[in-house]
Every structure is written in structure tokens, then in C-alpha cells.
Amino acid sequence: MTEKLKVKIQIKGSSKEYTAEIDDKANFLEEIQLIIKENGIFEFSDDEGDFGIVGSAIASIEFVSTKDETKAGF
């Protein structure tokens, strides 16, 4: 079974942070880079509801392994 990866997305000018789980880091990076470039909306759902983040509002992205909690971000 493929290990899930948590993605923490921080919003510019705010302490707001969203967390989502992804299956494939490479596919996520392709998608999020296109969204940021075109100022699109990244949509996802979690236990708290459905969310949409405008690409231009993304300040940073942090990847956290759900297995061993190692972190790497940009």
C-alpha cells in the first residue's frame, strides 16, 4: 500500500494553514505549480469540510510523511 503524505499549505499574510493528504508528491507538485501559475483554485476535502485555496494566496507548502513525521518544504 502506498504511503500517504500530508501537505501543509500556508496562506500569505496569515497564520492560516490547511492540511491535506496526497498519494503522489510528483503529481501534486505538477498540479499545484499550474494552479499557482494560472492563479487557479486548489480544491480538496478533509474531515472538516471542502476547501478551495486561490493559487496566488499560497505562501508555502510543507510535506510531512505520515509514517515517520519527517518534513521537507518549500
Protein backbone atom coordinates (compact mmCIF):
# COMPACT_ATOMS: atom_id res chain seq x y z
CA MET A 1 0.00 0.00 0.00
CA THR A 2 1.28 3.46 -0.90
CA GLU A 3 2.19 5.72 1.99
CA LYS A 4 0.10 8.87 2.27
CA LEU A 5 1.85 12.20 2.54
CA LYS A 6 0.48 15.18 4.45
CA VAL A 7 0.73 18.55 2.77
CA LYS A 8 0.54 21.71 4.85
CA ILE A 9 -0.34 24.82 2.83
CA GLN A 10 0.31 28.18 4.47
CA ILE A 11 -1.57 31.29 3.33
CA LYS A 12 0.17 34.61 2.60
CA GLY A 13 -0.23 37.34 5.20
CA SER A 14 -1.96 34.98 7.62
CA SER A 15 -1.24 32.32 10.18
CA LYS A 16 -3.89 30.14 8.49
CA GLU A 17 -2.69 26.70 7.46
CA TYR A 18 -4.54 23.91 5.65
CA THR A 19 -3.56 20.24 5.78
CA ALA A 20 -4.42 17.71 3.09
CA GLU A 21 -3.32 14.14 2.37
CA ILE A 22 -1.95 13.22 -1.04
CA ASP A 23 -0.94 9.96 -2.69
CA ASP A 24 1.69 11.18 -5.14
CA LYS A 25 4.08 14.07 -4.48
CA ALA A 26 5.12 14.46 -8.14
CA ASN A 27 1.52 14.71 -9.38
CA PHE A 28 0.63 17.13 -6.59
CA LEU A 29 3.61 19.36 -7.45
CA GLU A 30 2.61 19.46 -11.13
CA GLU A 31 -0.97 20.35 -10.21
CA ILE A 32 -0.11 22.99 -7.59
CA GLN A 33 2.52 24.67 -9.80
CA LEU A 34 -0.05 25.03 -12.60
CA ILE A 35 -2.63 26.37 -10.14
CA ILE A 36 -0.17 28.96 -8.80
CA LYS A 37 0.96 29.95 -12.31
CA GLU A 38 -2.61 30.38 -13.61
CA ASN A 39 -3.97 31.72 -10.29
CA GLY A 40 -6.43 28.84 -10.22
CA ILE A 41 -8.06 27.20 -7.22
CA PHE A 42 -6.72 24.13 -5.39
CA GLU A 43 -9.73 22.17 -4.15
CA PHE A 44 -9.64 19.44 -1.51
CA SER A 45 -11.70 17.87 1.26
CA ASP A 46 -10.91 16.66 4.75
CA ASP A 47 -12.78 15.74 7.92
CA GLU A 48 -13.71 19.39 8.48
CA GLY A 49 -15.23 20.02 5.03
CA ASP A 50 -14.49 21.12 1.48
CA PHE A 51 -11.93 23.85 0.76
CA GLY A 52 -10.62 25.91 -2.14
CA ILE A 53 -7.37 27.88 -1.99
CA VAL A 54 -6.58 30.51 -4.62
CA GLY A 55 -3.13 29.91 -6.10
CA SER A 56 -1.91 33.45 -5.50
CA ALA A 57 -2.71 33.11 -1.76
CA ILE A 58 -0.29 30.21 -1.21
CA ALA A 59 2.78 31.31 0.76
CA SER A 60 4.46 27.93 1.27
CA ILE A 61 3.94 24.20 1.11
CA GLU A 62 5.35 21.67 3.58
CA PHE A 63 5.40 17.91 3.03
CA VAL A 64 5.11 15.69 6.11
CA SER A 65 5.39 11.91 5.98
CA THR A 66 2.54 10.28 7.89
CA LYS A 67 4.81 7.30 8.60
CA ASP A 68 7.74 8.91 10.41
CA GLU A 69 6.76 12.61 10.55
CA THR A 70 9.80 13.78 8.58
CA LYS A 71 9.38 17.20 6.98
CA ALA A 72 10.51 18.89 3.79
CA GLY A 73 9.03 22.06 2.42
CA PHE A 74 9.42 24.95 0.04
